[in-house]
Amino acid sequence: MAGTRVREVWSRRFSYYLFVFTFVLVLACHTLAAPSIANTSTGTINWVGSTTNNLTFSHAVSGTFRALLVGVSLQISNSTNATVGNITYGGSALSRVTFINQGTTRRVEIWRLTNPPVGTANVVLTLSNVGNNRNVGVVATAMTVIGVAVGAVFAAVAFAISVISFPLLLDRDVGAVSAIETSARAVMANPLQMAMWGLIVAVLLVLGSIPLFAGLAVVMPILGHATWHLYRKVVVRKTG
């Protein structure tokens, strides 16, 4: 009996080691394949209503699995209704992702273009709703982000194999392979809910990291507690 008990303990310990190794491997691959900024360029102009036609500056695009992001800051004190009308890169139109107004003094917008052509072309920006002879300070920064799809794939894999398996290994006497399989099946059975939870986790981790990682002291316990309740809600406990 003693020998059997020892084998069971070592079998479970091996399962933990196997799981941790698998998770760390996937996480390392995700880190290596994480999106990175390839090129940046900036253009500025003092826009005068009814006089200025556009802001144009050159930007280079390179790399694979790429996206072009353009952030625009507008000083709108003299023309509070001013917005970005449109942005093009090499003739291809970007789409607005989001914007925020800081009272009546500043407006910030983010625009994107997925898979822009490789090479160098002009970023052309135009404004809308600028009053006649009104001045609007414009600062636009374009950046090429590469590895977008690859990083997303590895992040999804790491999330899928760990979101349920960690609490499952702590709660039940199961092996690493079974825990990972259960976690993957839970994600496939609840794709929308799991995607939303993954987004919440990502946002909270970013917010917690901003003040010199101090916020993680609050965020991590909350995420751990919430993940446990998610596991208890998703995985049906056998009765009897």
C-alpha atoms as a PDB file:
ATOM      1  CA  MET A   1       0.000   0.000   0.000  1.00  0.00           C
ATOM      2  CA  ALA A   2       2.807   2.360   0.859  1.00  0.00           C
ATOM      3  CA  GLY A   3       4.374   1.884  -2.568  1.00  0.00           C
ATOM      4  CA  THR A   4       1.042   2.557  -4.275  1.00  0.00           C
ATOM      5  CA  ARG A   5       0.580   5.750  -2.279  1.00  0.00           C
ATOM      6  CA  VAL A   6       4.055   6.987  -3.215  1.00  0.00           C
ATOM      7  CA  ARG A   7       3.366   6.354  -6.908  1.00  0.00           C
ATOM      8  CA  GLU A   8       0.099   8.304  -6.696  1.00  0.00           C
ATOM      9  CA  VAL A   9       1.807  11.262  -5.056  1.00  0.00           C
ATOM     10  CA  TRP A  10       4.583  11.336  -7.622  1.00  0.00           C
ATOM     11  CA  SER A  11       2.067  10.920 -10.459  1.00  0.00           C
ATOM     12  CA  ARG A  12       0.163  13.973  -9.315  1.00  0.00           C
ATOM     13  CA  ARG A  13       3.368  15.934  -8.742  1.00  0.00           C
ATOM     14  CA  PHE A  14       4.484  15.066 -12.272  1.00  0.00           C
ATOM     15  CA  SER A  15       1.134  16.314 -13.572  1.00  0.00           C
ATOM     16  CA  TYR A  16       1.681  19.648 -11.853  1.00  0.00           C
ATOM     17  CA  TYR A  17       5.194  19.930 -13.271  1.00  0.00           C
ATOM     18  CA  LEU A  18       3.945  19.015 -16.748  1.00  0.00           C
ATOM     19  CA  PHE A  19       1.185  21.615 -16.582  1.00  0.00           C
ATOM     20  CA  VAL A  20       3.466  24.377 -15.307  1.00  0.00           C
ATOM     21  CA  PHE A  21       6.042  23.559 -17.983  1.00  0.00           C
ATOM     22  CA  THR A  22       3.384  23.631 -20.717  1.00  0.00           C
ATOM     23  CA  PHE A  23       1.935  26.912 -19.501  1.00  0.00           C
ATOM     24  CA  VAL A  24       5.335  28.588 -19.161  1.00  0.00           C
ATOM     25  CA  LEU A  25       6.308  27.368 -22.630  1.00  0.00           C
ATOM     26  CA  VAL A  26       3.181  28.804 -24.220  1.00  0.00           C
ATOM     27  CA  LEU A  27       3.566  32.025 -22.244  1.00  0.00           C
ATOM     28  CA  ALA A  28       7.183  32.346 -23.360  1.00  0.00           C
ATOM     29  CA  CYS A  29       6.181  31.813 -26.981  1.00  0.00           C
ATOM     30  CA  HIS A  30       3.489  34.440 -26.564  1.00  0.00           C
ATOM     31  CA  THR A  31       6.003  36.881 -25.118  1.00  0.00           C
ATOM     32  CA  LEU A  32       8.436  36.306 -27.975  1.00  0.00           C
ATOM     33  CA  ALA A  33       5.643  36.716 -30.503  1.00  0.00           C
ATOM     34  CA  ALA A  34       3.999  39.667 -28.763  1.00  0.00           C
ATOM     35  CA  PRO A  35       3.135  42.656 -30.914  1.00  0.00           C
ATOM     36  CA  SER A  36       5.897  45.255 -31.220  1.00  0.00           C
ATOM     37  CA  ILE A  37       6.262  48.697 -32.750  1.00  0.00           C
ATOM     38  CA  ALA A  38       8.307  48.684 -35.954  1.00  0.00           C
ATOM     39  CA  ASN A  39       8.212  52.325 -37.074  1.00  0.00           C
ATOM     40  CA  THR A  40       6.845  55.630 -35.844  1.00  0.00           C
ATOM     41  CA  SER A  41       6.514  59.051 -37.431  1.00  0.00           C
ATOM     42  CA  THR A  42       4.902  62.314 -36.388  1.00  0.00           C
ATOM     43  CA  GLY A  43       3.357  65.296 -38.119  1.00  0.00           C
ATOM     44  CA  THR A  44       2.223  68.607 -36.629  1.00  0.00           C
ATOM     45  CA  ILE A  45       0.390  71.634 -37.944  1.00  0.00           C
ATOM     46  CA  ASN A  46      -1.448  74.741 -36.778  1.00  0.00           C
ATOM     47  CA  TRP A  47      -4.720  74.234 -38.630  1.00  0.00           C
ATOM     48  CA  VAL A  48      -6.505  77.402 -39.700  1.00  0.00           C
ATOM     49  CA  GLY A  49     -10.153  77.046 -40.629  1.00  0.00           C
ATOM     50  CA  SER A  50     -11.026  77.678 -44.321  1.00  0.00           C
ATOM     51  CA  THR A  51      -7.292  77.950 -45.110  1.00  0.00           C
ATOM     52  CA  THR A  52      -5.560  74.660 -44.250  1.00  0.00           C
ATOM     53  CA  ASN A  53      -6.413  71.679 -46.441  1.00  0.00           C
ATOM     54  CA  ASN A  54      -4.638  68.756 -44.751  1.00  0.00           C
ATOM     55  CA  LEU A  55      -1.752  67.507 -42.637  1.00  0.00           C
ATOM     56  CA  THR A  56       0.570  65.252 -44.641  1.00  0.00           C
ATOM     57  CA  PHE A  57       3.645  63.369 -43.432  1.00  0.00           C
ATOM     58  CA  SER A  58       5.595  60.332 -44.588  1.00  0.00           C
ATOM     59  CA  HIS A  59       5.492  56.965 -42.826  1.00  0.00           C
ATOM     60  CA  ALA A  60       7.220  53.634 -43.513  1.00  0.00           C
ATOM     61  CA  VAL A  61       5.497  50.263 -43.060  1.00  0.00           C
ATOM     62  CA  SER A  62       7.352  46.964 -42.693  1.00  0.00           C
ATOM     63  CA  GLY A  63       7.021  43.540 -41.098  1.00  0.00           C
ATOM     64  CA  THR A  64       4.379  40.823 -41.120  1.00  0.00           C
ATOM     65  CA  PHE A  65       0.999  40.543 -39.400  1.00  0.00           C
ATOM     66  CA  ARG A  66       0.976  44.329 -39.270  1.00  0.00           C
ATOM     67  CA  ALA A  67      -1.416  47.128 -38.450  1.00  0.00           C
ATOM     68  CA  LEU A  68      -1.126  50.898 -38.745  1.00  0.00           C
ATOM     69  CA  LEU A  69      -2.310  53.007 -35.808  1.00  0.00           C
ATOM     70  CA  VAL A  70      -2.565  56.791 -35.917  1.00  0.00           C
ATOM     71  CA  GLY A  71      -3.137  58.781 -32.741  1.00  0.00           C
ATOM     72  CA  VAL A  72      -4.278  62.391 -33.133  1.00  0.00           C
ATOM     73  CA  SER A  73      -4.330  65.104 -30.485  1.00  0.00           C
ATOM     74  CA  LEU A  74      -6.331  68.263 -31.230  1.00  0.00           C
ATOM     75  CA  GLN A  75      -6.096  71.523 -29.303  1.00  0.00           C
ATOM     76  CA  ILE A  76      -9.718  72.645 -29.742  1.00  0.00           C
ATOM     77  CA  SER A  77      -9.942  75.630 -27.397  1.00  0.00           C
ATOM     78  CA  ASN A  78     -10.632  77.992 -30.331  1.00  0.00           C
ATOM     79  CA  SER A  79     -12.921  75.575 -32.204  1.00  0.00           C
ATOM     80  CA  THR A  80     -14.618  73.175 -29.790  1.00  0.00           C
ATOM     81  CA  ASN A  81     -16.498  71.199 -32.475  1.00  0.00           C
ATOM     82  CA  ALA A  82     -13.381  70.256 -34.451  1.00  0.00           C
ATOM     83  CA  THR A  83     -12.883  66.547 -35.181  1.00  0.00           C
ATOM     84  CA  VAL A  84     -10.776  64.415 -37.500  1.00  0.00           C
ATOM     85  CA  GLY A  85     -12.680  64.054 -40.757  1.00  0.00           C
ATOM     86  CA  ASN A  86     -10.668  61.253 -42.319  1.00  0.00           C
ATOM     87  CA  ILE A  87      -7.186  59.770 -42.511  1.00  0.00           C
ATOM     88  CA  THR A  88      -5.650  57.888 -45.414  1.00  0.00           C
ATOM     89  CA  TYR A  89      -2.369  56.049 -45.881  1.00  0.00           C
ATOM     90  CA  GLY A  90      -1.218  55.706 -49.448  1.00  0.00           C
ATOM     91  CA  GLY A  91      -4.804  56.348 -50.508  1.00  0.00           C
ATOM     92  CA  SER A  92      -6.281  53.647 -48.218  1.00  0.00           C
ATOM     93  CA  ALA A  93      -8.778  54.946 -45.672  1.00  0.00           C
ATOM     94  CA  LEU A  94      -8.286  54.315 -41.966  1.00  0.00           C
ATOM     95  CA  SER A  95     -11.195  53.760 -39.595  1.00  0.00           C
ATOM     96  CA  ARG A  96     -11.724  55.491 -36.272  1.00  0.00           C
ATOM     97  CA  VAL A  97     -11.256  53.198 -33.269  1.00  0.00           C
ATOM     98  CA  THR A  98     -12.154  55.557 -30.438  1.00  0.00           C
ATOM     99  CA  PHE A  99     -11.988  59.153 -29.253  1.00  0.00           C
ATOM    100  CA  ILE A 100     -12.190  61.168 -26.060  1.00  0.00           C
ATOM    101  CA  ASN A 101     -12.797  64.847 -25.345  1.00  0.00           C
ATOM    102  CA  GLN A 102     -10.992  66.463 -22.431  1.00  0.00           C
ATOM    103  CA  GLY A 103     -13.517  69.176 -21.727  1.00  0.00           C
ATOM    104  CA  THR A 104     -13.451  71.874 -24.390  1.00  0.00           C
ATOM    105  CA  THR A 105      -9.679  72.119 -24.680  1.00  0.00           C
ATOM    106  CA  ARG A 106      -8.422  68.856 -26.177  1.00  0.00           C
ATOM    107  CA  ARG A 107      -9.701  65.934 -28.248  1.00  0.00           C
ATOM    108  CA  VAL A 108      -7.793  62.693 -28.794  1.00  0.00           C
ATOM    109  CA  GLU A 109      -8.650  60.168 -31.513  1.00  0.00           C
ATOM    110  CA  ILE A 110      -7.190  56.787 -32.529  1.00  0.00           C
ATOM    111  CA  TRP A 111      -7.473  55.455 -36.088  1.00  0.00           C
ATOM    112  CA  ARG A 112      -6.317  52.152 -37.588  1.00  0.00           C
ATOM    113  CA  LEU A 113      -5.655  50.322 -40.853  1.00  0.00           C
ATOM    114  CA  THR A 114      -5.247  46.540 -40.860  1.00  0.00           C
ATOM    115  CA  ASN A 115      -2.513  45.031 -43.044  1.00  0.00           C
ATOM    116  CA  PRO A 116      -1.302  48.236 -44.736  1.00  0.00           C
ATOM    117  CA  PRO A 117       0.962  47.793 -47.775  1.00  0.00           C
ATOM    118  CA  VAL A 118       4.688  47.485 -47.124  1.00  0.00           C
ATOM    119  CA  GLY A 119       6.703  50.528 -48.166  1.00  0.00           C
ATOM    120  CA  THR A 120       6.717  54.270 -47.603  1.00  0.00           C
ATOM    121  CA  ALA A 121       3.665  56.426 -48.254  1.00  0.00           C
ATOM    122  CA  ASN A 122       1.977  59.571 -46.992  1.00  0.00           C
ATOM    123  CA  VAL A 123      -0.405  59.799 -44.069  1.00  0.00           C
ATOM    124  CA  VAL A 124      -2.982  62.429 -45.032  1.00  0.00           C
ATOM    125  CA  LEU A 125      -5.265  63.834 -42.332  1.00  0.00           C
ATOM    126  CA  THR A 126      -8.148  66.250 -42.706  1.00  0.00           C
ATOM    127  CA  LEU A 127     -10.291  67.955 -40.072  1.00  0.00           C
ATOM    128  CA  SER A 128     -14.009  68.664 -39.948  1.00  0.00           C
ATOM    129  CA  ASN A 129     -16.104  71.330 -38.220  1.00  0.00           C
ATOM    130  CA  VAL A 130     -13.305  73.857 -37.846  1.00  0.00           C
ATOM    131  CA  GLY A 131     -14.690  77.392 -37.640  1.00  0.00           C
ATOM    132  CA  ASN A 132     -13.587  79.988 -40.170  1.00  0.00           C
ATOM    133  CA  ASN A 133     -10.285  81.586 -39.203  1.00  0.00           C
ATOM    134  CA  ARG A 134     -10.173  79.432 -36.093  1.00  0.00           C
ATOM    135  CA  ASN A 135      -6.901  77.771 -35.086  1.00  0.00           C
ATOM    136  CA  VAL A 136      -6.619  74.109 -34.080  1.00  0.00           C
ATOM    137  CA  GLY A 137      -3.281  72.655 -33.016  1.00  0.00           C
ATOM    138  CA  VAL A 138      -2.824  69.161 -34.482  1.00  0.00           C
ATOM    139  CA  VAL A 139      -0.276  66.504 -33.506  1.00  0.00           C
ATOM    140  CA  ALA A 140      -0.548  63.123 -35.249  1.00  0.00           C
ATOM    141  CA  THR A 141       1.664  60.079 -34.619  1.00  0.00           C
ATOM    142  CA  ALA A 142       1.614  57.012 -36.863  1.00  0.00           C
ATOM    143  CA  MET A 143       3.021  53.680 -35.720  1.00  0.00           C
ATOM    144  CA  THR A 144       3.347  50.315 -37.407  1.00  0.00           C
ATOM    145  CA  VAL A 145       2.542  47.445 -35.055  1.00  0.00           C
ATOM    146  CA  ILE A 146       3.799  44.012 -36.170  1.00  0.00           C
ATOM    147  CA  GLY A 147       3.119  40.498 -34.909  1.00  0.00           C
ATOM    148  CA  VAL A 148      -0.518  41.378 -34.164  1.00  0.00           C
ATOM    149  CA  ALA A 149      -2.083  38.090 -35.319  1.00  0.00           C
ATOM    150  CA  VAL A 150       0.698  35.873 -33.943  1.00  0.00           C
ATOM    151  CA  GLY A 151       0.581  37.469 -30.507  1.00  0.00           C
ATOM    152  CA  ALA A 152      -3.210  37.180 -30.421  1.00  0.00           C
ATOM    153  CA  VAL A 153      -3.060  33.463 -31.285  1.00  0.00           C
ATOM    154  CA  PHE A 154      -0.563  32.644 -28.537  1.00  0.00           C
ATOM    155  CA  ALA A 155      -2.475  34.759 -26.023  1.00  0.00           C
ATOM    156  CA  ALA A 156      -5.681  32.895 -26.899  1.00  0.00           C
ATOM    157  CA  VAL A 157      -3.964  29.520 -26.521  1.00  0.00           C
ATOM    158  CA  ALA A 158      -2.429  30.455 -23.157  1.00  0.00           C
ATOM    159  CA  PHE A 159      -5.810  31.697 -21.940  1.00  0.00           C
ATOM    160  CA  ALA A 160      -7.714  28.655 -23.207  1.00  0.00           C
ATOM    161  CA  ILE A 161      -5.485  26.084 -21.496  1.00  0.00           C
ATOM    162  CA  SER A 162      -5.224  27.930 -18.165  1.00  0.00           C
ATOM    163  CA  VAL A 163      -8.517  29.706 -17.418  1.00  0.00           C
ATOM    164  CA  ILE A 164     -10.129  26.570 -15.950  1.00  0.00           C
ATOM    165  CA  SER A 165      -7.194  24.192 -15.503  1.00  0.00           C
ATOM    166  CA  PHE A 166      -5.464  26.121 -12.695  1.00  0.00           C
ATOM    167  CA  PRO A 167      -8.450  26.125 -10.300  1.00  0.00           C
ATOM    168  CA  LEU A 168      -9.363  22.583 -11.418  1.00  0.00           C
ATOM    169  CA  LEU A 169      -5.917  21.265 -10.451  1.00  0.00           C
ATOM    170  CA  LEU A 170      -6.228  22.944  -7.061  1.00  0.00           C
ATOM    171  CA  ASP A 171      -9.749  21.654  -6.463  1.00  0.00           C
ATOM    172  CA  ARG A 172      -9.626  18.062  -7.733  1.00  0.00           C
ATOM    173  CA  ASP A 173      -7.219  15.162  -8.041  1.00  0.00           C
ATOM    174  CA  VAL A 174      -6.830  15.256 -11.830  1.00  0.00           C
ATOM    175  CA  GLY A 175      -3.884  15.170 -14.198  1.00  0.00           C
ATOM    176  CA  ALA A 176      -2.524  18.071 -16.211  1.00  0.00           C
ATOM    177  CA  VAL A 177      -3.734  16.677 -19.538  1.00  0.00           C
ATOM    178  CA  SER A 178      -7.273  16.251 -18.221  1.00  0.00           C
ATOM    179  CA  ALA A 179      -7.252  19.767 -16.719  1.00  0.00           C
ATOM    180  CA  ILE A 180      -6.050  21.359 -19.950  1.00  0.00           C
ATOM    181  CA  GLU A 181      -8.623  19.397 -21.965  1.00  0.00           C
ATOM    182  CA  THR A 182     -11.414  20.497 -19.622  1.00  0.00           C
ATOM    183  CA  SER A 183     -10.298  24.121 -19.851  1.00  0.00           C
ATOM    184  CA  ALA A 184     -10.249  24.006 -23.657  1.00  0.00           C
ATOM    185  CA  ARG A 185     -13.711  22.394 -23.774  1.00  0.00           C
ATOM    186  CA  ALA A 186     -15.076  25.044 -21.416  1.00  0.00           C
ATOM    187  CA  VAL A 187     -13.757  27.816 -23.669  1.00  0.00           C
ATOM    188  CA  MET A 188     -15.215  26.189 -26.789  1.00  0.00           C
ATOM    189  CA  ALA A 189     -18.592  25.735 -25.076  1.00  0.00           C
ATOM    190  CA  ASN A 190     -18.715  29.371 -23.931  1.00  0.00           C
ATOM    191  CA  PRO A 191     -16.710  31.342 -26.532  1.00  0.00           C
ATOM    192  CA  LEU A 192     -18.401  34.732 -26.078  1.00  0.00           C
ATOM    193  CA  GLN A 193     -18.360  34.685 -22.286  1.00  0.00           C
ATOM    194  CA  MET A 194     -14.746  33.494 -22.183  1.00  0.00           C
ATOM    195  CA  ALA A 195     -13.679  36.115 -24.736  1.00  0.00           C
ATOM    196  CA  MET A 196     -15.268  38.824 -22.595  1.00  0.00           C
ATOM    197  CA  TRP A 197     -13.553  37.463 -19.480  1.00  0.00           C
ATOM    198  CA  GLY A 198     -10.212  37.375 -21.301  1.00  0.00           C
ATOM    199  CA  LEU A 199     -10.705  41.012 -22.323  1.00  0.00           C
ATOM    200  CA  ILE A 200     -11.542  41.988 -18.743  1.00  0.00           C
ATOM    201  CA  VAL A 201      -8.410  40.207 -17.477  1.00  0.00           C
ATOM    202  CA  ALA A 202      -6.225  41.956 -20.064  1.00  0.00           C
ATOM    203  CA  VAL A 203      -7.650  45.407 -19.293  1.00  0.00           C
ATOM    204  CA  LEU A 204      -7.303  44.964 -15.524  1.00  0.00           C
ATOM    205  CA  LEU A 205      -3.724  43.727 -15.843  1.00  0.00           C
ATOM    206  CA  VAL A 206      -2.809  46.739 -17.987  1.00  0.00           C
ATOM    207  CA  LEU A 207      -4.482  49.159 -15.570  1.00  0.00           C
ATOM    208  CA  GLY A 208      -2.789  47.464 -12.613  1.00  0.00           C
ATOM    209  CA  SER A 209       0.612  47.718 -14.287  1.00  0.00           C
ATOM    210  CA  ILE A 210       0.447  51.437 -15.054  1.00  0.00           C
ATOM    211  CA  PRO A 211       1.323  52.815 -11.581  1.00  0.00           C
ATOM    212  CA  LEU A 212       4.692  51.005 -11.409  1.00  0.00           C
ATOM    213  CA  PHE A 213       2.902  47.638 -11.113  1.00  0.00           C
ATOM    214  CA  ALA A 214       1.592  48.652  -7.669  1.00  0.00           C
ATOM    215  CA  GLY A 215      -1.984  48.158  -8.807  1.00  0.00           C
ATOM    216  CA  LEU A 216      -1.349  44.454  -9.359  1.00  0.00           C
ATOM    217  CA  ALA A 217      -1.422  44.011  -5.579  1.00  0.00           C
ATOM    218  CA  VAL A 218      -5.133  44.799  -5.799  1.00  0.00           C
ATOM    219  CA  VAL A 219      -5.904  43.388  -9.251  1.00  0.00           C
ATOM    220  CA  MET A 220      -4.353  39.917  -8.844  1.00  0.00           C
ATOM    221  CA  PRO A 221      -6.389  38.848  -5.772  1.00  0.00           C
ATOM    222  CA  ILE A 222      -9.570  40.094  -7.444  1.00  0.00           C
ATOM    223  CA  LEU A 223      -8.806  38.153 -10.627  1.00  0.00           C
ATOM    224  CA  GLY A 224      -7.933  35.035  -8.628  1.00  0.00           C
ATOM    225  CA  HIS A 225     -11.186  35.210  -6.689  1.00  0.00           C
ATOM    226  CA  ALA A 226     -13.231  35.867  -9.824  1.00  0.00           C
ATOM    227  CA  THR A 227     -11.506  33.035 -11.724  1.00  0.00           C
ATOM    228  CA  TRP A 228     -12.375  30.605  -8.926  1.00  0.00           C
ATOM    229  CA  HIS A 229     -16.045  31.560  -9.126  1.00  0.00           C
ATOM    230  CA  LEU A 230     -15.930  31.296 -12.919  1.00  0.00           C
ATOM    231  CA  TYR A 231     -14.549  27.772 -12.583  1.00  0.00           C
ATOM    232  CA  ARG A 232     -17.249  26.775 -10.060  1.00  0.00           C
ATOM    233  CA  LYS A 233     -19.909  28.174 -12.408  1.00  0.00           C
ATOM    234  CA  VAL A 234     -18.626  26.484 -15.558  1.00  0.00           C
ATOM    235  CA  VAL A 235     -17.484  23.053 -14.321  1.00  0.00           C
ATOM    236  CA  VAL A 236     -20.352  20.909 -13.051  1.00  0.00           C
ATOM    237  CA  ARG A 237     -19.530  19.186  -9.777  1.00  0.00           C
ATOM    238  CA  LYS A 238     -20.544  15.526  -9.560  1.00  0.00           C
ATOM    239  CA  THR A 239     -23.037  14.648  -6.831  1.00  0.00           C
ATOM    240  CA  GLY A 240     -23.477  11.409  -4.980  1.00  0.00           C
END
